[in-house]
Amino acid sequence: MDWRKGGSSNNVEIGSGGGPRFGGGGRMGLGGLIVLALLGWIFFKNPLALLDQSGPLPGSSTQTAQPMQVDPEQQAFVSAILHSTEQSWGEVFQAHGATYVEPKLHLFSGGVDTACGGASTAVGPFYCPGDQKVYLDLAFFHQLQDELHSSGDFARAYVIAHEVGHHVQKLTGVFDKVRQLQQRGVPMDGADGLSVRQELQADCYAGVWANHSQRELNWLQPGDVEEALNAASHIGDDALQQQAQGRVRPDTFTHGTSAQRVKWFKAGFGSGDVAQCNTFAGEP
């Protein structure tokens, strides 16, 4: 992937090192937080956001930390991918008579406090609808390669584009609709749950971005698309559960199977059309 063909975003924030500090007023004890952090890493979701996406947890506070050091090459890469998503989604929204509000991408190390609560590096990349920011610890790219067996620039770009896809959902009201359905008793987890459908739509939106960015920049090289599909296949609920537990439990799915994640990324990439990303209709 010749990512240097792209421009640079002005929306990348450099955070601080260290971890989030939780006070006594939180909703669960430290043991529960550790369990959720482990689940969050497996499923690419902020565990505290699972509890409450409407605002910060009671008792959370900011920990004083030194400014983090960021590899200039990695920062440039993240900035280039984010800029490309800004260009692509700006055009998509404009074509539909709307204005795309660009998200911030916050780089952190160790831990971070957000409007959705605190999170550690173990959580992996995530999007917080409360402050409309994507959060990324660059150490995750090493985990992506070493532990999830997915390497290459386009695999990393896919991860960023997936989280930006959640921002698109925020802007288009999907988060609010999901919350309303949840309040009506529609289950979040499970193979047919709202969480799976929401995550698969973000995969499809990542594909839409890939389609538009390729048409604009012609920056993909042989093997790049396979990198993204390989990453998607390694982070399916079934693949991760089989690797971690030796068995698969569809009733606990939150992101969809490997096959589903590949299917929906390909749907977005093949069409470049957001109308092809309605994962909430029919079978996910």
Protein backbone atom coordinates (compact mmCIF):
# COMPACT_ATOMS: atom_id res chain seq x y z
CA MET A 1 0.00 0.00 0.00
CA ASP A 2 1.54 3.28 -1.11
CA TRP A 3 0.01 5.23 1.75
CA ARG A 4 2.33 8.20 1.21
CA LYS A 5 0.19 9.17 -1.77
CA GLY A 6 -2.38 10.51 0.65
CA GLY A 7 -2.45 13.78 2.53
CA SER A 8 -2.22 14.38 6.26
CA SER A 9 -5.05 14.84 8.70
CA ASN A 10 -5.18 17.65 11.23
CA ASN A 11 -7.30 15.53 13.54
CA VAL A 12 -4.68 13.27 15.10
CA GLU A 13 -4.15 13.92 18.80
CA ILE A 14 -1.11 12.80 20.76
CA GLY A 15 -2.00 11.74 24.29
CA SER A 16 0.03 10.80 27.32
CA GLY A 17 1.50 7.59 28.64
CA GLY A 18 0.26 5.81 31.73
CA GLY A 19 -3.11 4.28 32.47
CA PRO A 20 -6.58 5.38 33.53
CA ARG A 21 -7.25 5.71 37.24
CA PHE A 22 -10.57 4.45 38.60
CA GLY A 23 -12.09 5.83 41.78
CA GLY A 24 -14.34 4.10 44.25
CA GLY A 25 -17.54 5.27 42.60
CA GLY A 26 -17.28 3.02 39.57
CA ARG A 27 -19.94 0.51 38.63
CA MET A 28 -17.88 -2.60 39.35
CA GLY A 29 -14.77 -3.73 41.14
CA LEU A 30 -11.29 -4.09 39.72
CA GLY A 31 -11.75 -7.79 39.10
CA GLY A 32 -14.72 -7.07 36.87
CA LEU A 33 -12.76 -4.40 35.04
CA ILE A 34 -9.94 -6.84 34.35
CA VAL A 35 -12.35 -9.40 32.94
CA LEU A 36 -13.99 -6.78 30.77
CA ALA A 37 -10.62 -5.50 29.59
CA LEU A 38 -9.71 -9.01 28.43
CA LEU A 39 -13.01 -9.39 26.63
CA GLY A 40 -12.60 -5.94 25.14
CA TRP A 41 -9.22 -6.84 23.67
CA ILE A 42 -10.64 -9.98 22.12
CA PHE A 43 -13.61 -8.18 20.62
CA PHE A 44 -12.03 -4.79 19.73
CA LYS A 45 -14.47 -2.94 21.96
CA ASN A 46 -14.02 -0.51 24.84
CA PRO A 47 -15.29 -2.65 27.76
CA LEU A 48 -16.51 0.35 29.74
CA ALA A 49 -18.42 1.59 26.73
CA LEU A 50 -20.30 -1.72 26.87
CA LEU A 51 -21.58 -0.66 30.26
CA ASP A 52 -22.49 2.94 29.48
CA GLN A 53 -22.01 4.82 26.20
CA SER A 54 -23.74 7.95 27.44
CA GLY A 55 -20.94 9.44 29.51
CA PRO A 56 -17.96 8.89 31.80
CA LEU A 57 -18.09 6.42 34.64
CA PRO A 58 -18.61 7.90 38.08
CA GLY A 59 -15.34 8.13 39.94
CA SER A 60 -13.08 8.16 36.90
CA SER A 61 -10.38 10.80 36.80
CA THR A 62 -7.40 11.78 34.74
CA GLN A 63 -4.00 10.52 35.77
CA THR A 64 -1.07 12.88 35.40
CA ALA A 65 1.39 11.41 32.91
CA GLN A 66 4.30 12.41 30.75
CA PRO A 67 3.71 13.19 27.07
CA MET A 68 4.06 10.01 25.04
CA GLN A 69 6.67 9.45 22.37
CA VAL A 70 5.30 8.46 18.97
CA ASP A 71 7.23 6.92 16.10
CA PRO A 72 7.08 9.61 13.34
CA GLU A 73 6.55 6.97 10.65
CA GLN A 74 3.60 5.43 12.46
CA GLN A 75 2.10 8.83 13.17
CA ALA A 76 2.43 9.76 9.50
CA PHE A 77 0.74 6.50 8.50
CA VAL A 78 -2.19 7.02 10.86
CA SER A 79 -2.55 10.62 9.70
CA ALA A 80 -2.56 9.58 6.04
CA ILE A 81 -5.23 6.89 6.55
CA LEU A 82 -7.40 9.20 8.63
CA HIS A 83 -7.09 11.93 5.99
CA SER A 84 -8.22 9.46 3.34
CA THR A 85 -11.29 8.52 5.38
CA GLU A 86 -12.07 12.22 5.77
CA GLN A 87 -11.90 12.72 2.00
CA SER A 88 -13.93 9.63 1.17
CA TRP A 89 -16.67 10.11 3.73
CA GLY A 90 -16.82 13.83 3.04
CA GLU A 91 -17.67 13.02 -0.57
CA VAL A 92 -20.18 10.33 0.38
CA PHE A 93 -22.02 12.62 2.79
CA GLN A 94 -21.97 15.49 0.30
CA ALA A 95 -23.50 13.24 -2.35
CA HIS A 96 -26.35 12.59 0.07
CA GLY A 97 -26.84 16.27 0.88
CA ALA A 98 -25.17 16.10 4.28
CA THR A 99 -21.98 17.36 5.90
CA TYR A 100 -19.41 14.96 7.31
CA VAL A 101 -18.14 15.96 10.73
CA GLU A 102 -14.58 14.68 11.01
CA PRO A 103 -13.68 12.67 14.12
CA LYS A 104 -10.52 13.04 16.15
CA LEU A 105 -8.12 10.13 16.38
CA HIS A 106 -6.43 10.03 19.77
CA LEU A 107 -3.15 8.15 20.10
CA PHE A 108 -2.40 6.92 23.62
CA SER A 109 -0.05 4.60 25.43
CA GLY A 110 -0.89 2.39 28.39
CA GLY A 111 -4.32 3.79 29.16
CA VAL A 112 -6.69 6.65 28.51
CA ASP A 113 -9.74 8.36 29.97
CA THR A 114 -12.61 9.02 27.56
CA ALA A 115 -16.20 10.18 27.62
CA CYS A 116 -17.09 6.46 27.61
CA GLY A 117 -14.92 5.71 30.64
CA GLY A 118 -11.36 4.53 31.10
CA ALA A 119 -9.59 1.98 28.93
CA SER A 120 -6.21 0.27 28.86
CA THR A 121 -4.03 -0.83 25.99
CA ALA A 122 -5.51 -4.32 26.36
CA VAL A 123 -8.82 -3.08 24.99
CA GLY A 124 -7.42 -2.48 21.50
CA PRO A 125 -8.66 0.25 19.15
CA PHE A 126 -12.13 1.60 19.86
CA TYR A 127 -14.54 4.41 19.08
CA CYS A 128 -16.26 6.44 21.77
CA PRO A 129 -19.54 8.00 20.61
CA GLY A 130 -19.60 10.21 23.70
CA ASP A 131 -16.73 12.38 22.46
CA GLN A 132 -16.73 11.18 18.82
CA LYS A 133 -13.11 10.07 18.92
CA VAL A 134 -11.25 7.01 17.72
CA TYR A 135 -8.72 5.76 20.30
CA LEU A 136 -5.63 3.83 19.27
CA ASP A 137 -2.55 2.59 21.07
CA LEU A 138 0.02 2.02 18.34
CA ALA A 139 1.27 -1.02 20.25
CA PHE A 140 -1.84 -2.75 18.90
CA PHE A 141 -0.27 -2.94 15.46
CA HIS A 142 2.37 -5.24 16.94
CA GLN A 143 -0.38 -7.38 18.49
CA LEU A 144 -2.15 -7.47 15.15
CA GLN A 145 0.94 -8.96 13.58
CA ASP A 146 2.30 -11.15 16.37
CA GLU A 147 -0.86 -12.44 18.05
CA LEU A 148 -3.55 -12.14 15.37
CA HIS A 149 -1.25 -13.09 12.48
CA SER A 150 -2.26 -10.11 10.36
CA SER A 151 0.46 -7.90 8.96
CA GLY A 152 0.78 -5.21 6.30
CA ASP A 153 -0.18 -1.58 5.98
CA PHE A 154 -3.61 -2.26 4.54
CA ALA A 155 -4.50 -4.57 7.43
CA ARG A 156 -3.67 -1.69 9.78
CA ALA A 157 -5.60 0.73 7.61
CA TYR A 158 -8.63 -1.58 7.75
CA VAL A 159 -8.59 -1.43 11.56
CA ILE A 160 -8.63 2.37 11.52
CA ALA A 161 -11.31 2.47 8.82
CA HIS A 162 -13.49 0.09 10.86
CA GLU A 163 -13.42 2.43 13.85
CA VAL A 164 -14.15 5.42 11.61
CA GLY A 165 -17.09 3.37 10.35
CA HIS A 166 -18.50 3.54 13.87
CA HIS A 167 -18.21 7.32 13.68
CA VAL A 168 -20.27 7.25 10.49
CA GLN A 169 -22.85 5.23 12.42
CA LYS A 170 -22.87 7.87 15.14
CA LEU A 171 -23.46 10.64 12.62
CA THR A 172 -26.22 8.75 10.82
CA GLY A 173 -28.11 7.84 14.00
CA VAL A 174 -27.32 4.13 14.10
CA PHE A 175 -26.04 4.29 17.69
CA ASP A 176 -29.30 5.92 18.81
CA LYS A 177 -31.42 3.37 16.94
CA VAL A 178 -29.48 0.47 18.43
CA ARG A 179 -29.93 1.89 21.92
CA GLN A 180 -33.67 2.28 21.32
CA LEU A 181 -33.97 -1.32 20.11
CA GLN A 182 -31.95 -2.51 23.09
CA GLN A 183 -34.33 -0.68 25.42
CA ARG A 184 -37.20 -2.49 23.74
CA GLY A 185 -35.62 -5.81 24.62
CA VAL A 186 -33.83 -6.70 21.39
CA PRO A 187 -30.70 -8.63 22.44
CA MET A 188 -27.28 -7.08 21.89
CA ASP A 189 -25.16 -10.23 22.00
CA GLY A 190 -25.51 -13.45 20.07
CA ALA A 191 -25.11 -14.45 16.45
CA ASP A 192 -28.21 -12.45 15.47
CA GLY A 193 -27.72 -9.67 18.02
CA LEU A 194 -27.56 -5.93 17.50
CA SER A 195 -23.87 -5.76 18.37
CA VAL A 196 -22.93 -8.20 15.60
CA ARG A 197 -25.00 -6.28 13.07
CA GLN A 198 -23.50 -2.97 14.15
CA GLU A 199 -19.94 -4.27 13.92
CA LEU A 200 -20.51 -5.91 10.54
CA GLN A 201 -21.84 -2.63 9.21
CA ALA A 202 -18.62 -0.93 10.35
CA ASP A 203 -16.72 -3.60 8.40
CA CYS A 204 -18.83 -2.83 5.33
CA TYR A 205 -18.16 0.88 5.77
CA ALA A 206 -14.44 0.11 5.93
CA GLY A 207 -14.89 -1.57 2.56
CA VAL A 208 -16.72 1.47 1.18
CA TRP A 209 -13.80 3.65 2.25
CA ALA A 210 -11.31 1.26 0.63
CA ASN A 211 -13.25 1.42 -2.63
CA HIS A 212 -13.37 5.22 -2.68
CA SER A 213 -9.77 5.69 -1.58
CA GLN A 214 -8.52 3.32 -4.28
CA ARG A 215 -10.44 5.18 -6.95
CA GLU A 216 -9.06 8.49 -5.72
CA LEU A 217 -5.44 7.51 -5.07
CA ASN A 218 -4.81 4.16 -6.77
CA TRP A 219 -2.61 3.31 -3.81
CA LEU A 220 -3.32 -0.39 -3.35
CA GLN A 221 -0.73 -2.90 -4.45
CA PRO A 222 -0.99 -6.65 -5.17
CA GLY A 223 -1.83 -8.50 -1.97
CA ASP A 224 -3.21 -5.48 -0.09
CA VAL A 225 -6.86 -6.49 -0.24
CA GLU A 226 -5.87 -9.98 0.86
CA GLU A 227 -4.19 -8.39 3.91
CA ALA A 228 -7.46 -6.78 4.95
CA LEU A 229 -9.44 -9.95 4.33
CA ASN A 230 -6.90 -11.93 6.32
CA ALA A 231 -7.22 -9.49 9.21
CA ALA A 232 -11.01 -9.72 9.06
CA SER A 233 -10.88 -13.51 9.05
CA HIS A 234 -8.60 -13.63 12.11
CA ILE A 235 -10.80 -11.36 14.23
CA GLY A 236 -14.09 -13.16 13.76
CA ASP A 237 -15.78 -14.21 16.98
CA ASP A 238 -15.56 -17.88 16.04
CA ALA A 239 -11.84 -17.73 15.24
CA LEU A 240 -10.97 -15.79 18.39
CA GLN A 241 -13.07 -18.02 20.64
CA GLN A 242 -11.63 -21.17 19.14
CA GLN A 243 -8.12 -19.84 19.67
CA ALA A 244 -8.74 -18.61 23.22
CA GLN A 245 -11.17 -21.23 24.56
CA GLY A 246 -11.00 -24.19 22.18
CA ARG A 247 -14.71 -23.90 21.47
CA VAL A 248 -17.20 -21.55 19.84
CA ARG A 249 -20.22 -20.02 21.61
CA PRO A 250 -22.49 -18.21 19.11
CA ASP A 251 -24.68 -16.95 21.96
CA THR A 252 -21.81 -14.69 23.06
CA PHE A 253 -20.90 -13.31 19.64
CA THR A 254 -20.45 -9.54 19.46
CA HIS A 255 -18.68 -8.92 16.13
CA GLY A 256 -19.69 -11.75 13.80
CA THR A 257 -17.91 -14.76 12.39
CA SER A 258 -14.79 -14.62 10.25
CA ALA A 259 -16.87 -15.40 7.18
CA GLN A 260 -19.34 -12.64 7.97
CA ARG A 261 -16.63 -10.04 8.52
CA VAL A 262 -14.99 -10.94 5.21
CA LYS A 263 -18.39 -10.96 3.47
CA TRP A 264 -19.36 -7.48 4.60
CA PHE A 265 -15.98 -5.89 3.97
CA LYS A 266 -16.13 -7.30 0.44
CA ALA A 267 -19.70 -5.99 0.03
CA GLY A 268 -18.53 -2.47 0.79
CA PHE A 269 -15.32 -2.73 -1.19
CA GLY A 270 -16.95 -4.26 -4.23
CA SER A 271 -19.75 -1.71 -4.47
CA GLY A 272 -18.46 1.45 -2.78
CA ASP A 273 -22.12 2.00 -1.92
CA VAL A 274 -23.33 2.58 1.64
CA ALA A 275 -26.75 1.30 0.59
CA GLN A 276 -25.19 -2.17 0.39
CA CYS A 277 -24.28 -2.03 4.08
CA ASN A 278 -27.67 -2.59 5.70
CA THR A 279 -26.62 -5.38 8.03
CA PHE A 280 -29.74 -4.86 10.13
CA ALA A 281 -32.04 -6.37 7.48
CA GLY A 282 -32.23 -10.13 6.99
CA GLU A 283 -29.43 -12.48 7.95
CA PRO A 284 -26.23 -10.72 9.12
